[in-house]
Every structure is written in structure tokens, then in C-alpha cells.
PDB file of N, CA and C in Angstrom:
ATOM      1  N   MET A   1     -48.045 145.562  57.353  1.00  0.00           N
ATOM      2  CA  MET A   1     -47.831 144.151  57.913  1.00  0.00           C
ATOM      3  C   MET A   1     -46.732 143.436  57.196  1.00  0.00           C
ATOM      4  N   THR A   2     -46.361 142.796  57.983  1.00  0.00           N
ATOM      5  CA  THR A   2     -45.144 141.740  57.878  1.00  0.00           C
ATOM      6  C   THR A   2     -45.075 140.333  58.079  1.00  0.00           C
ATOM      7  N   ALA A   3     -44.776 139.579  56.680  1.00  0.00           N
ATOM      8  CA  ALA A   3     -45.127 138.195  56.866  1.00  0.00           C
ATOM      9  C   ALA A   3     -43.661 137.606  56.236  1.00  0.00           C
ATOM     10  N   THR A   4     -43.118 136.385  57.131  1.00  0.00           N
ATOM     11  CA  THR A   4     -42.106 135.709  56.496  1.00  0.00           C
ATOM     12  C   THR A   4     -42.424 134.644  56.251  1.00  0.00           C
ATOM     13  N   TYR A   5     -41.609 134.108  55.336  1.00  0.00           N
ATOM     14  CA  TYR A   5     -41.713 132.878  54.846  1.00  0.00           C
ATOM     15  C   TYR A   5     -40.246 132.190  54.322  1.00  0.00           C
ATOM     16  N   THR A   6     -40.285 130.863  54.158  1.00  0.00           N
ATOM     17  CA  THR A   6     -39.081 130.231  53.650  1.00  0.00           C
ATOM     18  C   THR A   6     -38.722 129.601  52.146  1.00  0.00           C
ATOM     19  N   VAL A   7     -38.067 130.172  51.479  1.00  0.00           N
ATOM     20  CA  VAL A   7     -38.192 129.581  49.898  1.00  0.00           C
ATOM     21  C   VAL A   7     -37.212 128.732  50.018  1.00  0.00           C
ATOM     22  N   THR A   8     -37.401 127.428  48.962  1.00  0.00           N
ATOM     23  CA  THR A   8     -36.395 126.641  49.002  1.00  0.00           C
ATOM     24  C   THR A   8     -36.202 126.693  47.454  1.00  0.00           C
ATOM     25  N   GLY A   9     -35.060 126.096  47.097  1.00  0.00           N
ATOM     26  CA  GLY A   9     -34.504 125.833  45.547  1.00  0.00           C
ATOM     27  C   GLY A   9     -33.683 127.125  45.089  1.00  0.00           C
ATOM     28  N   MET A  10     -33.360 128.310  45.831  1.00  0.00           N
ATOM     29  CA  MET A  10     -32.935 128.901  45.486  1.00  0.00           C
ATOM     30  C   MET A  10     -31.450 128.742  45.346  1.00  0.00           C
ATOM     31  N   THR A  11     -30.689 129.206  44.097  1.00  0.00           N
ATOM     32  CA  THR A  11     -29.247 128.865  44.410  1.00  0.00           C
ATOM     33  C   THR A  11     -28.632 130.057  44.018  1.00  0.00           C
ATOM     34  N   CYS A  12     -28.782 131.130  43.484  1.00  0.00           N
ATOM     35  CA  CYS A  12     -27.910 132.475  42.859  1.00  0.00           C
ATOM     36  C   CYS A  12     -28.772 133.806  43.053  1.00  0.00           C
ATOM     37  N   GLY A  13     -27.874 134.811  42.700  1.00  0.00           N
ATOM     38  CA  GLY A  13     -28.636 136.046  42.891  1.00  0.00           C
ATOM     39  C   GLY A  13     -29.657 136.279  41.703  1.00  0.00           C
ATOM     40  N   HIS A  14     -29.674 135.615  40.565  1.00  0.00           N
ATOM     41  CA  HIS A  14     -30.639 135.681  39.568  1.00  0.00           C
ATOM     42  C   HIS A  14     -32.032 134.933  40.266  1.00  0.00           C
ATOM     43  N   CYS A  15     -31.885 133.880  41.350  1.00  0.00           N
ATOM     44  CA  CYS A  15     -33.171 133.529  41.805  1.00  0.00           C
ATOM     45  C   CYS A  15     -33.685 134.483  42.806  1.00  0.00           C
ATOM     46  N   VAL A  16     -32.923 135.137  43.805  1.00  0.00           N
ATOM     47  CA  VAL A  16     -33.204 136.369  44.457  1.00  0.00           C
ATOM     48  C   VAL A  16     -33.957 137.027  43.714  1.00  0.00           C
ATOM     49  N   LYS A  17     -33.196 137.785  42.580  1.00  0.00           N
ATOM     50  CA  LYS A  17     -34.013 138.756  41.554  1.00  0.00           C
ATOM     51  C   LYS A  17     -35.358 138.379  41.278  1.00  0.00           C
ATOM     52  N   ALA A  18     -35.555 136.833  40.716  1.00  0.00           N
ATOM     53  CA  ALA A  18     -36.624 136.652  39.936  1.00  0.00           C
ATOM     54  C   ALA A  18     -37.859 136.427  41.097  1.00  0.00           C
ATOM     55  N   VAL A  19     -37.415 135.991  42.166  1.00  0.00           N
ATOM     56  CA  VAL A  19     -38.457 135.973  43.397  1.00  0.00           C
ATOM     57  C   VAL A  19     -38.946 137.439  43.675  1.00  0.00           C
ATOM     58  N   THR A  20     -38.056 138.296  44.086  1.00  0.00           N
ATOM     59  CA  THR A  20     -38.155 139.281  44.255  1.00  0.00           C
ATOM     60  C   THR A  20     -39.190 140.377  43.513  1.00  0.00           C
ATOM     61  N   GLU A  21     -38.932 140.070  42.014  1.00  0.00           N
ATOM     62  CA  GLU A  21     -39.913 141.025  41.204  1.00  0.00           C
ATOM     63  C   GLU A  21     -41.203 140.183  40.994  1.00  0.00           C
ATOM     64  N   GLU A  22     -40.945 138.647  41.356  1.00  0.00           N
ATOM     65  CA  GLU A  22     -42.802 138.284  40.952  1.00  0.00           C
ATOM     66  C   GLU A  22     -43.448 138.527  42.573  1.00  0.00           C
ATOM     67  N   VAL A  23     -43.006 138.641  43.451  1.00  0.00           N
ATOM     68  CA  VAL A  23     -43.374 138.758  44.558  1.00  0.00           C
ATOM     69  C   VAL A  23     -44.001 140.552  44.683  1.00  0.00           C
ATOM     70  N   SER A  24     -42.981 141.310  44.382  1.00  0.00           N
ATOM     71  CA  SER A  24     -43.139 142.931  44.532  1.00  0.00           C
ATOM     72  C   SER A  24     -44.386 143.047  43.365  1.00  0.00           C
ATOM     73  N   GLY A  25     -44.734 142.142  42.356  1.00  0.00           N
ATOM     74  CA  GLY A  25     -45.980 142.552  41.474  1.00  0.00           C
ATOM     75  C   GLY A  25     -47.522 142.026  42.379  1.00  0.00           C
ATOM     76  N   ILE A  26     -47.316 141.351  43.476  1.00  0.00           N
ATOM     77  CA  ILE A  26     -48.841 141.142  44.255  1.00  0.00           C
ATOM     78  C   ILE A  26     -49.256 142.198  44.671  1.00  0.00           C
ATOM     79  N   TYR A  27     -50.548 142.432  44.282  1.00  0.00           N
ATOM     80  CA  TYR A  27     -51.249 143.749  44.437  1.00  0.00           C
ATOM     81  C   TYR A  27     -51.239 144.089  46.166  1.00  0.00           C
ATOM     82  N   GLY A  28     -50.722 145.306  46.586  1.00  0.00           N
ATOM     83  CA  GLY A  28     -50.743 145.754  47.958  1.00  0.00           C
ATOM     84  C   GLY A  28     -49.422 145.515  48.871  1.00  0.00           C
ATOM     85  N   VAL A  29     -48.664 144.693  48.056  1.00  0.00           N
ATOM     86  CA  VAL A  29     -46.963 144.390  48.493  1.00  0.00           C
ATOM     87  C   VAL A  29     -46.369 145.984  48.242  1.00  0.00           C
ATOM     88  N   THR A  30     -45.626 146.500  49.447  1.00  0.00           N
ATOM     89  CA  THR A  30     -44.736 147.333  49.482  1.00  0.00           C
ATOM     90  C   THR A  30     -43.326 147.312  49.765  1.00  0.00           C
ATOM     91  N   GLY A  31     -43.085 146.210  49.867  1.00  0.00           N
ATOM     92  CA  GLY A  31     -41.502 146.013  50.134  1.00  0.00           C
ATOM     93  C   GLY A  31     -41.367 144.240  50.204  1.00  0.00           C
ATOM     94  N   VAL A  32     -40.247 143.838  49.407  1.00  0.00           N
ATOM     95  CA  VAL A  32     -39.806 142.320  49.527  1.00  0.00           C
ATOM     96  C   VAL A  32     -38.155 142.349  49.710  1.00  0.00           C
ATOM     97  N   ASP A  33     -38.311 141.586  51.144  1.00  0.00           N
ATOM     98  CA  ASP A  33     -36.535 141.294  50.985  1.00  0.00           C
ATOM     99  C   ASP A  33     -36.213 139.539  51.010  1.00  0.00           C
ATOM    100  N   VAL A  34     -35.493 139.248  50.248  1.00  0.00           N
ATOM    101  CA  VAL A  34     -34.888 137.697  50.241  1.00  0.00           C
ATOM    102  C   VAL A  34     -33.540 137.509  50.653  1.00  0.00           C
ATOM    103  N   ASP A  35     -33.513 136.477  51.369  1.00  0.00           N
ATOM    104  CA  ASP A  35     -32.064 136.423  51.561  1.00  0.00           C
ATOM    105  C   ASP A  35     -31.639 134.949  51.230  1.00  0.00           C
ATOM    106  N   LEU A  36     -30.637 135.105  50.134  1.00  0.00           N
ATOM    107  CA  LEU A  36     -30.202 133.462  49.520  1.00  0.00           C
ATOM    108  C   LEU A  36     -29.761 132.626  50.481  1.00  0.00           C
ATOM    109  N   ALA A  37     -29.037 133.056  51.355  1.00  0.00           N
ATOM    110  CA  ALA A  37     -28.282 132.056  52.572  1.00  0.00           C
ATOM    111  C   ALA A  37     -29.343 131.281  53.108  1.00  0.00           C
ATOM    112  N   SER A  38     -30.256 132.281  53.728  1.00  0.00           N
ATOM    113  CA  SER A  38     -31.054 131.504  54.413  1.00  0.00           C
ATOM    114  C   SER A  38     -32.326 130.924  54.037  1.00  0.00           C
ATOM    115  N   GLY A  39     -32.725 131.555  52.733  1.00  0.00           N
ATOM    116  CA  GLY A  39     -33.843 131.370  52.275  1.00  0.00           C
ATOM    117  C   GLY A  39     -35.388 132.090  52.603  1.00  0.00           C
ATOM    118  N   LYS A  40     -35.041 133.017  53.427  1.00  0.00           N
ATOM    119  CA  LYS A  40     -35.930 133.888  54.009  1.00  0.00           C
ATOM    120  C   LYS A  40     -36.501 134.825  53.216  1.00  0.00           C
ATOM    121  N   LEU A  41     -37.869 134.913  53.167  1.00  0.00           N
ATOM    122  CA  LEU A  41     -38.741 135.741  52.327  1.00  0.00           C
ATOM    123  C   LEU A  41     -39.662 136.619  53.395  1.00  0.00           C
ATOM    124  N   THR A  42     -39.082 137.800  53.394  1.00  0.00           N
ATOM    125  CA  THR A  42     -40.102 138.756  54.106  1.00  0.00           C
ATOM    126  C   THR A  42     -40.840 139.785  53.171  1.00  0.00           C
ATOM    127  N   ILE A  43     -41.991 139.649  53.415  1.00  0.00           N
ATOM    128  CA  ILE A  43     -42.923 140.644  52.712  1.00  0.00           C
ATOM    129  C   ILE A  43     -43.491 141.559  53.584  1.00  0.00           C
ATOM    130  N   THR A  44     -43.505 142.578  53.257  1.00  0.00           N
ATOM    131  CA  THR A  44     -44.449 144.223  53.716  1.00  0.00           C
ATOM    132  C   THR A  44     -45.233 144.524  52.940  1.00  0.00           C
ATOM    133  N   SER A  45     -46.681 144.614  53.529  1.00  0.00           N
ATOM    134  CA  SER A  45     -47.625 144.924  52.811  1.00  0.00           C
ATOM    135  C   SER A  45     -48.840 145.926  53.289  1.00  0.00           C
ATOM    136  N   ASP A  46     -49.485 146.307  52.858  1.00  0.00           N
ATOM    137  CA  ASP A  46     -50.735 146.966  53.157  1.00  0.00           C
ATOM    138  C   ASP A  46     -51.515 146.348  53.748  1.00  0.00           C
ATOM    139  N   ALA A  47     -51.983 145.184  53.670  1.00  0.00           N
ATOM    140  CA  ALA A  47     -53.144 144.422  54.200  1.00  0.00           C
ATOM    141  C   ALA A  47     -52.438 142.652  54.050  1.00  0.00           C
ATOM    142  N   PRO A  48     -53.053 142.000  54.666  1.00  0.00           N
ATOM    143  CA  PRO A  48     -52.524 140.704  54.794  1.00  0.00           C
ATOM    144  C   PRO A  48     -52.757 140.131  52.813  1.00  0.00           C
ATOM    145  N   VAL A  49     -51.436 139.421  52.801  1.00  0.00           N
ATOM    146  CA  VAL A  49     -51.317 138.710  51.640  1.00  0.00           C
ATOM    147  C   VAL A  49     -51.546 137.215  51.457  1.00  0.00           C
ATOM    148  N   ASP A  50     -52.436 136.948  50.752  1.00  0.00           N
ATOM    149  CA  ASP A  50     -52.904 135.430  50.753  1.00  0.00           C
ATOM    150  C   ASP A  50     -51.982 134.439  50.523  1.00  0.00           C
ATOM    151  N   PHE A  51     -51.685 133.279  51.151  1.00  0.00           N
ATOM    152  CA  PHE A  51     -50.567 132.589  51.284  1.00  0.00           C
ATOM    153  C   PHE A  51     -50.477 131.913  49.716  1.00  0.00           C
ATOM    154  N   ASP A  52     -51.530 131.527  49.301  1.00  0.00           N
ATOM    155  CA  ASP A  52     -51.687 130.839  47.868  1.00  0.00           C
ATOM    156  C   ASP A  52     -51.393 132.059  46.821  1.00  0.00           C
ATOM    157  N   ARG A  53     -51.391 133.520  47.001  1.00  0.00           N
ATOM    158  CA  ARG A  53     -50.864 134.069  46.053  1.00  0.00           C
ATOM    159  C   ARG A  53     -49.222 134.195  46.012  1.00  0.00           C
ATOM    160  N   VAL A  54     -48.821 133.923  47.150  1.00  0.00           N
ATOM    161  CA  VAL A  54     -47.291 133.965  47.272  1.00  0.00           C
ATOM    162  C   VAL A  54     -46.919 132.972  46.492  1.00  0.00           C
ATOM    163  N   VAL A  55     -47.350 132.024  47.038  1.00  0.00           N
ATOM    164  CA  VAL A  55     -46.613 130.393  46.580  1.00  0.00           C
ATOM    165  C   VAL A  55     -46.936 130.566  44.875  1.00  0.00           C
ATOM    166  N   GLU A  56     -47.996 130.918  44.512  1.00  0.00           N
ATOM    167  CA  GLU A  56     -48.187 131.494  42.826  1.00  0.00           C
ATOM    168  C   GLU A  56     -47.164 132.515  42.439  1.00  0.00           C
ATOM    169  N   ALA A  57     -46.562 133.275  43.110  1.00  0.00           N
ATOM    170  CA  ALA A  57     -45.823 134.107  42.480  1.00  0.00           C
ATOM    171  C   ALA A  57     -44.396 133.707  42.735  1.00  0.00           C
ATOM    172  N   VAL A  58     -44.040 133.061  43.443  1.00  0.00           N
ATOM    173  CA  VAL A  58     -42.780 132.257  43.811  1.00  0.00           C
ATOM    174  C   VAL A  58     -42.474 131.101  42.858  1.00  0.00           C
ATOM    175  N   GLY A  59     -43.657 130.489  42.608  1.00  0.00           N
ATOM    176  CA  GLY A  59     -43.860 129.732  41.291  1.00  0.00           C
ATOM    177  C   GLY A  59     -43.415 129.926  40.238  1.00  0.00           C
ATOM    178  N   GLU A  60     -44.261 131.166  39.743  1.00  0.00           N
ATOM    179  CA  GLU A  60     -43.659 131.893  38.542  1.00  0.00           C
ATOM    180  C   GLU A  60     -42.171 132.451  38.416  1.00  0.00           C
ATOM    181  N   ALA A  61     -41.630 132.626  39.479  1.00  0.00           N
ATOM    182  CA  ALA A  61     -40.111 133.285  39.443  1.00  0.00           C
ATOM    183  C   ALA A  61     -39.258 131.645  38.941  1.00  0.00           C
ATOM    184  N   GLY A  62     -39.820 130.473  39.452  1.00  0.00           N
ATOM    185  CA  GLY A  62     -38.821 129.434  39.128  1.00  0.00           C
ATOM    186  C   GLY A  62     -39.246 128.345  39.841  1.00  0.00           C
ATOM    187  N   ASP A  63     -38.544 127.171  39.871  1.00  0.00           N
ATOM    188  CA  ASP A  63     -38.605 125.966  40.637  1.00  0.00           C
ATOM    189  C   ASP A  63     -38.428 125.917  42.049  1.00  0.00           C
ATOM    190  N   TYR A  64     -39.291 126.726  42.701  1.00  0.00           N
ATOM    191  CA  TYR A  64     -38.886 127.042  44.269  1.00  0.00           C
ATOM    192  C   TYR A  64     -40.421 126.695  44.682  1.00  0.00           C
ATOM    193  N   THR A  65     -40.096 126.405  46.192  1.00  0.00           N
ATOM    194  CA  THR A  65     -41.108 126.089  47.019  1.00  0.00           C
ATOM    195  C   THR A  65     -41.127 127.064  48.158  1.00  0.00           C
ATOM    196  N   VAL A  66     -42.631 127.235  48.597  1.00  0.00           N
ATOM    197  CA  VAL A  66     -42.245 128.211  49.904  1.00  0.00           C
ATOM    198  C   VAL A  66     -43.278 127.250  51.188  1.00  0.00           C
ATOM    199  N   GLU A  67     -42.637 127.796  52.247  1.00  0.00           N
ATOM    200  CA  GLU A  67     -43.123 127.110  53.209  1.00  0.00           C
ATOM    201  C   GLU A  67     -43.392 128.266  54.324  1.00  0.00           C
TER     202      GLU A  67
END
């Protein structure tokens, strides 16, 4: 399964790395792609990932929001 979100507040490569690491830690996630320029977050997983869990993981990475 693939889900795409927009993350706002990222400004550099460190932000991308932090979001990637946190979201990768969600159970069932098999792939994470973050594009700094567009803010696009694409998650590949075995099963649907709860949106609240994505928001929580992105929040753990830093002061970012998910749409």
C-alpha cells in the first residue's frame, strides 16, 4: 500500500533525515520517501498506516505538520 502526505516546516536535509527515520519506525512501514522541495511524504507499507501514527512520528522528528 502507498499513502502520500504533505509535510510542512522542513527546511533542510537534516529535516528530511529526521522525518524519514521516525516514519520508518512505524510498524508495517516498508519504505519512506521524503521530497524537501515539495514536502511530499510517500509511505509504502504492508497494511494501512493510521494517520494519527504518521502525525505522531513526524512530530517526534521536529516541529513539522502533516496534511
